[in-house]
């Protein structure tokens, strides 16, 4: 059970960091929204050039926050596992 949970946490952590990288590198063109499956929002973001830069910055902030929360959760799991061993 713990191995499955750890794999799920790792997968979520990887996905959140991929979204963060896409938000930074391709956020002005809506790459992060397209990766999430929100094609309409990606098109709107592309047409408005990142929502006149404001939407771009908010997406980076939100993605960084989500990645940070996910990292803390994974780190907490690793600490609990090391205490059990």
C-alpha atoms as a PDB file:
ATOM      1  CA  UNK A   1       0.000   0.000   0.000  1.00  0.00           C
ATOM      2  CA  UNK A   2       2.755   2.457   0.910  1.00  0.00           C
ATOM      3  CA  UNK A   3       4.570   1.802  -2.358  1.00  0.00           C
ATOM      4  CA  UNK A   4       1.443   2.615  -4.363  1.00  0.00           C
ATOM      5  CA  UNK A   5       0.871   5.777  -2.321  1.00  0.00           C
ATOM      6  CA  UNK A   6       4.485   6.860  -2.820  1.00  0.00           C
ATOM      7  CA  UNK A   7       4.240   6.295  -6.583  1.00  0.00           C
ATOM      8  CA  UNK A   8       1.041   8.340  -6.704  1.00  0.00           C
ATOM      9  CA  UNK A   9       2.699  11.155  -4.763  1.00  0.00           C
ATOM     10  CA  UNK A  10       5.712  11.064  -7.078  1.00  0.00           C
ATOM     11  CA  UNK A  11       3.485  11.171 -10.162  1.00  0.00           C
ATOM     12  CA  UNK A  12       1.535  14.124  -8.776  1.00  0.00           C
ATOM     13  CA  UNK A  13       4.768  15.896  -7.857  1.00  0.00           C
ATOM     14  CA  UNK A  14       6.127  15.388 -11.369  1.00  0.00           C
ATOM     15  CA  UNK A  15       2.920  16.637 -12.969  1.00  0.00           C
ATOM     16  CA  UNK A  16       2.826  19.787 -10.823  1.00  0.00           C
ATOM     17  CA  UNK A  17       6.426  20.611 -11.726  1.00  0.00           C
ATOM     18  CA  UNK A  18       5.787  20.000 -15.436  1.00  0.00           C
ATOM     19  CA  UNK A  19       2.884  22.444 -15.248  1.00  0.00           C
ATOM     20  CA  UNK A  20       5.131  24.969 -13.470  1.00  0.00           C
ATOM     21  CA  UNK A  21       7.794  24.677 -16.174  1.00  0.00           C
ATOM     22  CA  UNK A  22       5.167  25.030 -18.900  1.00  0.00           C
ATOM     23  CA  UNK A  23       3.690  28.077 -17.126  1.00  0.00           C
ATOM     24  CA  UNK A  24       7.108  29.737 -17.037  1.00  0.00           C
ATOM     25  CA  UNK A  25       8.310  28.833 -20.527  1.00  0.00           C
ATOM     26  CA  UNK A  26       5.080  28.724 -22.525  1.00  0.00           C
ATOM     27  CA  UNK A  27       2.612  30.519 -20.312  1.00  0.00           C
ATOM     28  CA  UNK A  28       2.252  33.489 -22.619  1.00  0.00           C
ATOM     29  CA  UNK A  29       1.055  31.088 -25.322  1.00  0.00           C
ATOM     30  CA  UNK A  30      -1.219  29.025 -23.074  1.00  0.00           C
ATOM     31  CA  UNK A  31       0.934  25.879 -23.018  1.00  0.00           C
ATOM     32  CA  UNK A  32       0.159  25.232 -19.353  1.00  0.00           C
ATOM     33  CA  UNK A  33      -3.589  25.467 -19.929  1.00  0.00           C
ATOM     34  CA  UNK A  34      -3.364  23.188 -22.968  1.00  0.00           C
ATOM     35  CA  UNK A  35      -1.440  20.595 -20.937  1.00  0.00           C
ATOM     36  CA  UNK A  36      -4.218  20.646 -18.338  1.00  0.00           C
ATOM     37  CA  UNK A  37      -6.751  19.989 -21.117  1.00  0.00           C
ATOM     38  CA  UNK A  38      -8.297  23.449 -21.078  1.00  0.00           C
ATOM     39  CA  UNK A  39      -8.001  24.143 -24.796  1.00  0.00           C
ATOM     40  CA  UNK A  40     -10.412  27.088 -24.892  1.00  0.00           C
ATOM     41  CA  UNK A  41      -8.548  28.865 -22.093  1.00  0.00           C
ATOM     42  CA  UNK A  42      -5.269  28.135 -23.856  1.00  0.00           C
ATOM     43  CA  UNK A  43      -6.578  29.800 -27.016  1.00  0.00           C
ATOM     44  CA  UNK A  44      -7.857  32.825 -25.106  1.00  0.00           C
ATOM     45  CA  UNK A  45      -4.549  33.122 -23.284  1.00  0.00           C
ATOM     46  CA  UNK A  46      -2.665  32.932 -26.590  1.00  0.00           C
ATOM     47  CA  UNK A  47      -4.851  35.557 -28.259  1.00  0.00           C
ATOM     48  CA  UNK A  48      -4.537  37.942 -25.304  1.00  0.00           C
ATOM     49  CA  UNK A  49      -0.784  37.249 -24.967  1.00  0.00           C
ATOM     50  CA  UNK A  50      -0.996  35.812 -21.497  1.00  0.00           C
ATOM     51  CA  UNK A  51      -3.954  37.952 -20.477  1.00  0.00           C
ATOM     52  CA  UNK A  52      -1.885  41.097 -20.943  1.00  0.00           C
ATOM     53  CA  UNK A  53       0.872  39.527 -18.812  1.00  0.00           C
ATOM     54  CA  UNK A  54      -1.312  39.498 -15.666  1.00  0.00           C
ATOM     55  CA  UNK A  55      -2.841  36.063 -16.287  1.00  0.00           C
ATOM     56  CA  UNK A  56       0.648  34.779 -17.117  1.00  0.00           C
ATOM     57  CA  UNK A  57       2.039  35.949 -13.769  1.00  0.00           C
ATOM     58  CA  UNK A  58      -0.957  34.617 -11.825  1.00  0.00           C
ATOM     59  CA  UNK A  59      -0.593  31.204 -13.460  1.00  0.00           C
ATOM     60  CA  UNK A  60       3.094  31.069 -12.555  1.00  0.00           C
ATOM     61  CA  UNK A  61       2.280  31.994  -8.959  1.00  0.00           C
ATOM     62  CA  UNK A  62      -0.523  29.426  -8.711  1.00  0.00           C
ATOM     63  CA  UNK A  63       1.575  26.691 -10.327  1.00  0.00           C
ATOM     64  CA  UNK A  64       4.516  27.403  -8.023  1.00  0.00           C
ATOM     65  CA  UNK A  65       2.241  27.304  -4.999  1.00  0.00           C
ATOM     66  CA  UNK A  66       0.685  23.990  -6.100  1.00  0.00           C
ATOM     67  CA  UNK A  67       4.120  22.481  -6.733  1.00  0.00           C
ATOM     68  CA  UNK A  68       5.305  23.669  -3.324  1.00  0.00           C
ATOM     69  CA  UNK A  69       2.309  22.173  -1.504  1.00  0.00           C
ATOM     70  CA  UNK A  70       2.770  18.900  -3.352  1.00  0.00           C
ATOM     71  CA  UNK A  71       6.494  18.855  -2.526  1.00  0.00           C
ATOM     72  CA  UNK A  72       5.768  19.388   1.179  1.00  0.00           C
ATOM     73  CA  UNK A  73       3.304  16.506   1.128  1.00  0.00           C
ATOM     74  CA  UNK A  74       5.861  14.227  -0.515  1.00  0.00           C
ATOM     75  CA  UNK A  75       8.579  15.347   1.898  1.00  0.00           C
ATOM     76  CA  UNK A  76       6.283  14.657   4.861  1.00  0.00           C
ATOM     77  CA  UNK A  77       5.616  11.161   3.511  1.00  0.00           C
ATOM     78  CA  UNK A  78       9.356  10.519   3.150  1.00  0.00           C
ATOM     79  CA  UNK A  79       9.999  11.641   6.736  1.00  0.00           C
ATOM     80  CA  UNK A  80       7.269   9.328   8.030  1.00  0.00           C
ATOM     81  CA  UNK A  81       8.735   6.444   6.046  1.00  0.00           C
ATOM     82  CA  UNK A  82      12.219   7.067   7.452  1.00  0.00           C
ATOM     83  CA  UNK A  83      10.838   7.080  11.009  1.00  0.00           C
ATOM     84  CA  UNK A  84       9.175   3.686  10.400  1.00  0.00           C
ATOM     85  CA  UNK A  85      12.433   2.148   9.149  1.00  0.00           C
END
